[in-house]
């Protein structure tokens, strides 16, 4: 793993085949990893999420070498399809572009569930949780309307409280500090 100011490069610690690398890349684009990144990452400037090297090292990645060749092949094919669609649509750096990849990510999630033999509801929970966390993070990044608080059902206008009038009553029990100290010392 290496770090630059703008990116973290992940490198397998074994001599991997091309299809194994693509299978790992498919997994890294799954809802499971997206959920992990949304959970531990830190929102930083604009819509990006920052992930420290130590956090990236902790991404739970299955040992691809222990998977059967058929599963690796299916994940590699899904990654190729994901990459091709991302290039075709001009990237995956905007929310609407990510939406265009959602069906392929769901297929990757389903393949991971089958390969690892885990409960399919976990993939759906990871996808939903990651979406909720991302929406919450992105909502904090949008520019707020001045004096408006958005509620669940309706927009509530916030107005400043009325200004209190100062008492100008000559009989008020108010004295300047220097006058008060003179009366206290006499």
C-alpha atoms as a PDB file:
ATOM      1  CA  UNK A   1       0.000   0.000   0.000  1.00  0.00           C
ATOM      2  CA  UNK A   2       1.314   3.454  -0.834  1.00  0.00           C
ATOM      3  CA  UNK A   3       0.004   6.925  -0.107  1.00  0.00           C
ATOM      4  CA  UNK A   4      -0.011  10.202  -1.989  1.00  0.00           C
ATOM      5  CA  UNK A   5      -1.781  13.448  -1.163  1.00  0.00           C
ATOM      6  CA  UNK A   6      -4.603  12.461  -3.517  1.00  0.00           C
ATOM      7  CA  UNK A   7      -4.806   8.671  -3.574  1.00  0.00           C
ATOM      8  CA  UNK A   8      -3.952   5.395  -1.912  1.00  0.00           C
ATOM      9  CA  UNK A   9      -2.590   2.594  -4.105  1.00  0.00           C
ATOM     10  CA  UNK A  10      -3.437  -0.948  -3.054  1.00  0.00           C
ATOM     11  CA  UNK A  11      -1.109  -3.753  -4.091  1.00  0.00           C
ATOM     12  CA  UNK A  12      -1.669  -7.462  -3.441  1.00  0.00           C
ATOM     13  CA  UNK A  13       1.051  -9.059  -1.325  1.00  0.00           C
ATOM     14  CA  UNK A  14       1.339 -12.021  -3.699  1.00  0.00           C
ATOM     15  CA  UNK A  15       1.914 -12.522  -7.422  1.00  0.00           C
ATOM     16  CA  UNK A  16      -1.656 -12.267  -8.666  1.00  0.00           C
ATOM     17  CA  UNK A  17      -3.117 -13.282 -11.980  1.00  0.00           C
ATOM     18  CA  UNK A  18      -5.033 -10.721 -14.021  1.00  0.00           C
ATOM     19  CA  UNK A  19      -8.413 -12.313 -13.293  1.00  0.00           C
ATOM     20  CA  UNK A  20      -7.637 -12.460  -9.540  1.00  0.00           C
ATOM     21  CA  UNK A  21      -6.812  -8.762  -9.567  1.00  0.00           C
ATOM     22  CA  UNK A  22     -10.072  -8.004 -11.391  1.00  0.00           C
ATOM     23  CA  UNK A  23     -11.991 -10.131  -8.861  1.00  0.00           C
ATOM     24  CA  UNK A  24     -10.470  -8.075  -6.028  1.00  0.00           C
ATOM     25  CA  UNK A  25     -11.322  -4.854  -7.871  1.00  0.00           C
ATOM     26  CA  UNK A  26     -14.912  -6.078  -8.275  1.00  0.00           C
ATOM     27  CA  UNK A  27     -15.039  -6.734  -4.529  1.00  0.00           C
ATOM     28  CA  UNK A  28     -13.559  -3.282  -3.795  1.00  0.00           C
ATOM     29  CA  UNK A  29     -16.446  -1.797  -5.807  1.00  0.00           C
ATOM     30  CA  UNK A  30     -19.062  -3.784  -3.879  1.00  0.00           C
ATOM     31  CA  UNK A  31     -21.615  -2.419  -1.426  1.00  0.00           C
ATOM     32  CA  UNK A  32     -19.712  -4.136   1.392  1.00  0.00           C
ATOM     33  CA  UNK A  33     -16.617  -1.987   0.812  1.00  0.00           C
ATOM     34  CA  UNK A  34     -18.674   1.109   0.032  1.00  0.00           C
ATOM     35  CA  UNK A  35     -20.411   0.696   3.397  1.00  0.00           C
ATOM     36  CA  UNK A  36     -17.052   0.290   5.173  1.00  0.00           C
ATOM     37  CA  UNK A  37     -15.644   3.433   3.520  1.00  0.00           C
ATOM     38  CA  UNK A  38     -18.750   5.501   4.318  1.00  0.00           C
ATOM     39  CA  UNK A  39     -18.624   4.211   7.897  1.00  0.00           C
ATOM     40  CA  UNK A  40     -14.954   4.885   8.696  1.00  0.00           C
ATOM     41  CA  UNK A  41     -14.039   7.549   6.129  1.00  0.00           C
ATOM     42  CA  UNK A  42     -14.076  11.267   6.796  1.00  0.00           C
ATOM     43  CA  UNK A  43     -15.896  13.780   4.620  1.00  0.00           C
ATOM     44  CA  UNK A  44     -13.347  16.179   3.221  1.00  0.00           C
ATOM     45  CA  UNK A  45     -13.963  19.105   0.944  1.00  0.00           C
ATOM     46  CA  UNK A  46     -16.749  18.924  -1.568  1.00  0.00           C
ATOM     47  CA  UNK A  47     -18.245  15.486  -2.002  1.00  0.00           C
ATOM     48  CA  UNK A  48     -15.089  13.417  -1.506  1.00  0.00           C
ATOM     49  CA  UNK A  49     -14.521  11.049   1.365  1.00  0.00           C
ATOM     50  CA  UNK A  50     -11.070  10.707   2.866  1.00  0.00           C
ATOM     51  CA  UNK A  51      -9.687   7.339   3.863  1.00  0.00           C
ATOM     52  CA  UNK A  52      -6.449   7.125   5.820  1.00  0.00           C
ATOM     53  CA  UNK A  53      -3.863   4.450   5.033  1.00  0.00           C
ATOM     54  CA  UNK A  54      -4.546   2.605   8.296  1.00  0.00           C
ATOM     55  CA  UNK A  55      -8.265   2.571   7.508  1.00  0.00           C
ATOM     56  CA  UNK A  56      -7.587   1.293   3.980  1.00  0.00           C
ATOM     57  CA  UNK A  57      -5.431  -1.501   5.410  1.00  0.00           C
ATOM     58  CA  UNK A  58      -8.388  -2.579   7.545  1.00  0.00           C
ATOM     59  CA  UNK A  59     -10.796  -3.037   4.601  1.00  0.00           C
ATOM     60  CA  UNK A  60     -12.092  -6.586   5.025  1.00  0.00           C
ATOM     61  CA  UNK A  61     -11.001  -8.325   1.804  1.00  0.00           C
ATOM     62  CA  UNK A  62     -11.527 -12.058   1.314  1.00  0.00           C
ATOM     63  CA  UNK A  63      -8.543 -14.149   0.263  1.00  0.00           C
ATOM     64  CA  UNK A  64      -9.177 -14.489  -3.466  1.00  0.00           C
ATOM     65  CA  UNK A  65      -6.651 -17.335  -3.681  1.00  0.00           C
ATOM     66  CA  UNK A  66      -9.018 -19.500  -1.618  1.00  0.00           C
ATOM     67  CA  UNK A  67     -11.960 -18.951  -3.989  1.00  0.00           C
ATOM     68  CA  UNK A  68     -12.799 -21.374  -6.741  1.00  0.00           C
ATOM     69  CA  UNK A  69     -11.799 -20.416 -10.290  1.00  0.00           C
ATOM     70  CA  UNK A  70     -15.412 -20.157 -11.439  1.00  0.00           C
ATOM     71  CA  UNK A  71     -16.201 -17.518  -8.799  1.00  0.00           C
ATOM     72  CA  UNK A  72     -13.046 -15.568  -9.633  1.00  0.00           C
ATOM     73  CA  UNK A  73     -13.943 -15.670 -13.345  1.00  0.00           C
ATOM     74  CA  UNK A  74     -17.488 -14.395 -12.687  1.00  0.00           C
ATOM     75  CA  UNK A  75     -16.213 -11.499 -10.516  1.00  0.00           C
ATOM     76  CA  UNK A  76     -13.558 -10.637 -13.133  1.00  0.00           C
ATOM     77  CA  UNK A  77     -16.222 -10.531 -15.876  1.00  0.00           C
ATOM     78  CA  UNK A  78     -18.419  -8.298 -13.703  1.00  0.00           C
ATOM     79  CA  UNK A  79     -15.491  -5.959 -13.061  1.00  0.00           C
ATOM     80  CA  UNK A  80     -14.810  -5.726 -16.822  1.00  0.00           C
ATOM     81  CA  UNK A  81     -18.485  -4.825 -17.366  1.00  0.00           C
ATOM     82  CA  UNK A  82     -18.367  -2.253 -14.547  1.00  0.00           C
ATOM     83  CA  UNK A  83     -15.211  -0.656 -15.909  1.00  0.00           C
ATOM     84  CA  UNK A  84     -16.572  -0.593 -19.478  1.00  0.00           C
ATOM     85  CA  UNK A  85     -19.828   1.069 -18.408  1.00  0.00           C
ATOM     86  CA  UNK A  86     -17.999   3.607 -16.234  1.00  0.00           C
ATOM     87  CA  UNK A  87     -15.788   4.557 -19.185  1.00  0.00           C
ATOM     88  CA  UNK A  88     -18.773   4.628 -21.545  1.00  0.00           C
ATOM     89  CA  UNK A  89     -20.723   7.021 -19.326  1.00  0.00           C
ATOM     90  CA  UNK A  90     -17.710   9.253 -18.652  1.00  0.00           C
ATOM     91  CA  UNK A  91     -16.698   8.102 -15.166  1.00  0.00           C
ATOM     92  CA  UNK A  92     -18.160   7.389 -11.757  1.00  0.00           C
ATOM     93  CA  UNK A  93     -17.342  10.591  -9.921  1.00  0.00           C
ATOM     94  CA  UNK A  94     -20.872  12.007  -9.710  1.00  0.00           C
ATOM     95  CA  UNK A  95     -23.967  10.665  -8.001  1.00  0.00           C
ATOM     96  CA  UNK A  96     -25.905  10.310 -11.246  1.00  0.00           C
ATOM     97  CA  UNK A  97     -23.002   8.385 -12.801  1.00  0.00           C
ATOM     98  CA  UNK A  98     -22.881   6.050  -9.801  1.00  0.00           C
ATOM     99  CA  UNK A  99     -26.602   5.426 -10.256  1.00  0.00           C
ATOM    100  CA  UNK A 100     -25.823   4.243 -13.789  1.00  0.00           C
ATOM    101  CA  UNK A 101     -23.582   1.529 -12.316  1.00  0.00           C
ATOM    102  CA  UNK A 102     -25.949   0.402  -9.549  1.00  0.00           C
ATOM    103  CA  UNK A 103     -27.282  -2.688 -11.378  1.00  0.00           C
ATOM    104  CA  UNK A 104     -23.743  -3.993 -11.923  1.00  0.00           C
ATOM    105  CA  UNK A 105     -22.813  -3.352  -8.289  1.00  0.00           C
ATOM    106  CA  UNK A 106     -25.899  -5.346  -7.242  1.00  0.00           C
ATOM    107  CA  UNK A 107     -24.707  -8.233  -9.467  1.00  0.00           C
ATOM    108  CA  UNK A 108     -21.243  -8.015  -7.873  1.00  0.00           C
ATOM    109  CA  UNK A 109     -22.864  -8.088  -4.418  1.00  0.00           C
ATOM    110  CA  UNK A 110     -24.948 -11.132  -5.386  1.00  0.00           C
ATOM    111  CA  UNK A 111     -21.870 -12.922  -6.707  1.00  0.00           C
ATOM    112  CA  UNK A 112     -19.932 -12.203  -3.503  1.00  0.00           C
ATOM    113  CA  UNK A 113     -22.852 -13.513  -1.433  1.00  0.00           C
ATOM    114  CA  UNK A 114     -22.889 -16.743  -3.452  1.00  0.00           C
ATOM    115  CA  UNK A 115     -19.102 -17.228  -3.437  1.00  0.00           C
ATOM    116  CA  UNK A 116     -18.701 -16.558   0.286  1.00  0.00           C
ATOM    117  CA  UNK A 117     -21.920 -18.342   1.252  1.00  0.00           C
ATOM    118  CA  UNK A 118     -23.287 -15.463   3.315  1.00  0.00           C
ATOM    119  CA  UNK A 119     -26.871 -14.337   3.913  1.00  0.00           C
ATOM    120  CA  UNK A 120     -28.137 -12.350   0.882  1.00  0.00           C
ATOM    121  CA  UNK A 121     -29.847  -9.862   3.195  1.00  0.00           C
ATOM    122  CA  UNK A 122     -26.381  -8.682   4.309  1.00  0.00           C
ATOM    123  CA  UNK A 123     -25.645  -7.357   0.823  1.00  0.00           C
ATOM    124  CA  UNK A 124     -28.940  -5.480   0.751  1.00  0.00           C
ATOM    125  CA  UNK A 125     -28.308  -4.050   4.229  1.00  0.00           C
ATOM    126  CA  UNK A 126     -24.777  -2.985   3.252  1.00  0.00           C
ATOM    127  CA  UNK A 127     -26.060  -1.292   0.083  1.00  0.00           C
ATOM    128  CA  UNK A 128     -28.885   0.496   1.901  1.00  0.00           C
ATOM    129  CA  UNK A 129     -26.680   1.546   4.826  1.00  0.00           C
ATOM    130  CA  UNK A 130     -23.960   2.846   2.495  1.00  0.00           C
ATOM    131  CA  UNK A 131     -26.581   4.851   0.565  1.00  0.00           C
ATOM    132  CA  UNK A 132     -28.001   6.358   3.764  1.00  0.00           C
ATOM    133  CA  UNK A 133     -24.537   7.321   5.007  1.00  0.00           C
ATOM    134  CA  UNK A 134     -23.590   8.788   1.626  1.00  0.00           C
ATOM    135  CA  UNK A 135     -26.821  10.800   1.410  1.00  0.00           C
ATOM    136  CA  UNK A 136     -26.230  12.122   4.918  1.00  0.00           C
ATOM    137  CA  UNK A 137     -22.641  13.076   4.072  1.00  0.00           C
ATOM    138  CA  UNK A 138     -23.658  14.761   0.821  1.00  0.00           C
ATOM    139  CA  UNK A 139     -26.509  16.660   2.465  1.00  0.00           C
ATOM    140  CA  UNK A 140     -23.973  18.277   4.795  1.00  0.00           C
ATOM    141  CA  UNK A 141     -21.994  19.429   1.771  1.00  0.00           C
ATOM    142  CA  UNK A 142     -24.839  21.242   0.046  1.00  0.00           C
ATOM    143  CA  UNK A 143     -25.259  24.951   0.576  1.00  0.00           C
ATOM    144  CA  UNK A 144     -27.880  25.727   3.193  1.00  0.00           C
ATOM    145  CA  UNK A 145     -30.640  28.243   2.587  1.00  0.00           C
ATOM    146  CA  UNK A 146     -30.257  31.156   4.994  1.00  0.00           C
ATOM    147  CA  UNK A 147     -32.760  31.173   7.840  1.00  0.00           C
ATOM    148  CA  UNK A 148     -34.381  27.901   6.742  1.00  0.00           C
ATOM    149  CA  UNK A 149     -34.459  24.590   8.573  1.00  0.00           C
ATOM    150  CA  UNK A 150     -35.576  21.628   6.543  1.00  0.00           C
ATOM    151  CA  UNK A 151     -37.874  19.270   8.386  1.00  0.00           C
ATOM    152  CA  UNK A 152     -39.130  15.903   7.294  1.00  0.00           C
ATOM    153  CA  UNK A 153     -42.558  17.091   6.144  1.00  0.00           C
ATOM    154  CA  UNK A 154     -42.186  20.791   5.463  1.00  0.00           C
ATOM    155  CA  UNK A 155     -39.760  23.688   5.398  1.00  0.00           C
ATOM    156  CA  UNK A 156     -39.786  25.793   8.555  1.00  0.00           C
ATOM    157  CA  UNK A 157     -38.855  29.484   8.380  1.00  0.00           C
ATOM    158  CA  UNK A 158     -36.655  30.654  11.210  1.00  0.00           C
ATOM    159  CA  UNK A 159     -37.005  34.291  12.166  1.00  0.00           C
ATOM    160  CA  UNK A 160     -34.931  36.302  14.568  1.00  0.00           C
ATOM    161  CA  UNK A 161     -36.564  36.944  17.955  1.00  0.00           C
ATOM    162  CA  UNK A 162     -37.915  40.472  18.440  1.00  0.00           C
ATOM    163  CA  UNK A 163     -35.379  42.896  19.829  1.00  0.00           C
ATOM    164  CA  UNK A 164     -35.903  43.876  23.450  1.00  0.00           C
ATOM    165  CA  UNK A 165     -36.285  47.552  24.125  1.00  0.00           C
ATOM    166  CA  UNK A 166     -33.908  49.104  26.595  1.00  0.00           C
ATOM    167  CA  UNK A 167     -35.479  50.687  29.591  1.00  0.00           C
ATOM    168  CA  UNK A 168     -35.148  54.446  29.486  1.00  0.00           C
ATOM    169  CA  UNK A 169     -37.096  54.871  32.679  1.00  0.00           C
ATOM    170  CA  UNK A 170     -35.278  57.382  34.892  1.00  0.00           C
ATOM    171  CA  UNK A 171     -36.563  55.641  38.001  1.00  0.00           C
ATOM    172  CA  UNK A 172     -35.025  52.302  37.077  1.00  0.00           C
ATOM    173  CA  UNK A 173     -32.615  50.749  39.561  1.00  0.00           C
ATOM    174  CA  UNK A 174     -29.749  50.947  37.134  1.00  0.00           C
ATOM    175  CA  UNK A 175     -26.490  52.776  37.708  1.00  0.00           C
ATOM    176  CA  UNK A 176     -23.225  52.953  35.853  1.00  0.00           C
ATOM    177  CA  UNK A 177     -20.457  50.958  37.520  1.00  0.00           C
ATOM    178  CA  UNK A 178     -18.395  54.012  38.504  1.00  0.00           C
ATOM    179  CA  UNK A 179     -21.445  55.617  40.141  1.00  0.00           C
ATOM    180  CA  UNK A 180     -22.335  52.417  41.966  1.00  0.00           C
ATOM    181  CA  UNK A 181     -18.790  52.015  43.343  1.00  0.00           C
ATOM    182  CA  UNK A 182     -18.891  55.617  44.677  1.00  0.00           C
ATOM    183  CA  UNK A 183     -22.133  54.912  46.539  1.00  0.00           C
ATOM    184  CA  UNK A 184     -20.723  51.690  47.964  1.00  0.00           C
ATOM    185  CA  UNK A 185     -17.559  53.365  49.264  1.00  0.00           C
ATOM    186  CA  UNK A 186     -19.388  56.256  50.998  1.00  0.00           C
END
